[in-house]
Amino acid sequence: MELKDKNVLPTKLLIEKTKRVKKTTPSGLIIPDTAEEVTSQGTVIIAGKGAEALPMDVRVGDFVMFPPRAAIRVKIEDDDYWLLGIQDILLYW
């Protein structure tokens, strides 16, 4: 999907969450993501320009890790994304 015409506020990021493979136990029980997920991960799709007090070091294409409850789930043209403040990023690379 084309998101180049979309913008976020200066200290916000739009994240495409990494898809996780469903895990199962040897007996066939499916382990839900909520049972083992401590942090969420994804790729930055849109990054704000930053602010004087809070510069934006994260760039489009960076991989980020953040607390699951810090992000707001948004739907854009039938695709799911996460909206997140730069202050909530734990790690990026």
Protein backbone atom coordinates (compact mmCIF):
# COMPACT_ATOMS: atom_id res chain seq x y z
CA MET A 1 0.00 0.00 0.00
CA GLU A 2 1.14 3.55 -0.76
CA LEU A 3 1.62 5.58 2.43
CA LYS A 4 3.95 8.29 1.06
CA ASP A 5 1.18 10.88 1.13
CA LYS A 6 0.49 10.22 4.84
CA ASN A 7 2.12 12.12 7.72
CA VAL A 8 2.34 11.70 11.49
CA LEU A 9 2.90 14.29 14.21
CA PRO A 10 6.55 15.27 14.81
CA THR A 11 7.22 12.83 17.68
CA LYS A 12 5.16 9.88 16.38
CA LEU A 13 5.96 6.77 14.35
CA LEU A 14 3.77 4.50 12.24
CA ILE A 15 4.91 0.91 12.72
CA GLU A 16 4.15 -2.23 10.73
CA LYS A 17 4.18 -4.92 13.38
CA THR A 18 6.29 -7.99 12.71
CA LYS A 19 4.20 -11.07 12.02
CA ARG A 20 4.80 -13.85 14.52
CA VAL A 21 4.59 -17.51 13.68
CA LYS A 22 2.07 -19.37 15.84
CA LYS A 23 3.76 -21.73 18.23
CA THR A 24 2.27 -25.01 19.39
CA THR A 25 3.09 -27.43 22.16
CA PRO A 26 4.08 -31.03 21.36
CA SER A 27 0.49 -32.06 22.12
CA GLY A 28 -0.88 -29.54 19.58
CA LEU A 29 -2.07 -26.70 21.85
CA ILE A 30 -1.59 -23.26 20.31
CA ILE A 31 0.32 -20.82 22.51
CA PRO A 32 -1.25 -17.33 22.11
CA ASP A 33 1.00 -14.33 21.48
CA THR A 34 -0.17 -12.78 24.76
CA ALA A 35 1.23 -15.71 26.73
CA GLU A 36 4.84 -15.03 25.80
CA GLU A 37 5.02 -11.54 24.34
CA VAL A 38 6.79 -9.07 26.62
CA THR A 39 7.74 -6.60 23.88
CA SER A 40 6.40 -5.91 20.40
CA GLN A 41 8.56 -5.42 17.33
CA GLY A 42 8.06 -3.86 13.94
CA THR A 43 9.40 -1.79 11.08
CA VAL A 44 9.05 2.00 10.92
CA ILE A 45 6.84 2.93 7.94
CA ILE A 46 6.46 6.68 8.63
CA ALA A 47 8.53 8.78 11.06
CA GLY A 48 7.80 12.29 12.27
CA LYS A 49 10.39 15.04 11.95
CA GLY A 50 11.07 15.21 15.70
CA ALA A 51 10.93 18.20 18.00
CA GLU A 52 13.57 20.41 19.58
CA ALA A 53 13.12 18.76 22.99
CA LEU A 54 12.71 15.26 21.52
CA PRO A 55 14.80 14.67 18.39
CA MET A 56 13.85 11.84 16.01
CA ASP A 57 16.78 9.44 15.76
CA VAL A 58 14.65 6.60 14.35
CA ARG A 59 14.30 6.52 10.55
CA VAL A 60 11.94 4.88 8.07
CA GLY A 61 12.97 1.26 7.62
CA ASP A 62 14.47 0.89 11.12
CA PHE A 63 13.41 -2.11 13.19
CA VAL A 64 12.06 -1.10 16.63
CA MET A 65 11.09 -2.80 19.88
CA PHE A 66 8.40 -1.30 22.14
CA PRO A 67 6.03 -2.26 24.98
CA PRO A 68 2.80 -3.73 23.52
CA ARG A 69 0.51 -1.42 25.48
CA ALA A 70 2.39 1.73 24.41
CA ALA A 71 1.10 1.60 20.83
CA ILE A 72 -2.31 2.45 19.41
CA ARG A 73 -3.61 0.08 16.75
CA VAL A 74 -4.80 1.88 13.59
CA LYS A 75 -6.30 0.54 10.38
CA ILE A 76 -5.40 2.25 7.09
CA GLU A 77 -7.06 0.91 3.94
CA ASP A 78 -7.68 -2.54 5.51
CA ASP A 79 -4.09 -2.89 6.79
CA ASP A 80 -3.21 -2.88 10.51
CA TYR A 81 -0.46 -0.62 11.85
CA TRP A 82 0.63 0.72 15.24
CA LEU A 83 0.98 4.41 16.12
CA LEU A 84 3.68 5.03 18.70
CA GLY A 85 5.45 7.95 20.36
CA ILE A 86 9.24 8.17 20.02
CA GLN A 87 9.56 8.15 23.83
CA ASP A 88 8.13 4.60 23.91
CA ILE A 89 10.86 3.03 21.74
CA LEU A 90 13.00 0.63 23.80
CA LEU A 91 15.52 -0.36 21.10
CA TYR A 92 16.04 0.34 17.41
CA TRP A 93 18.43 -0.92 14.78
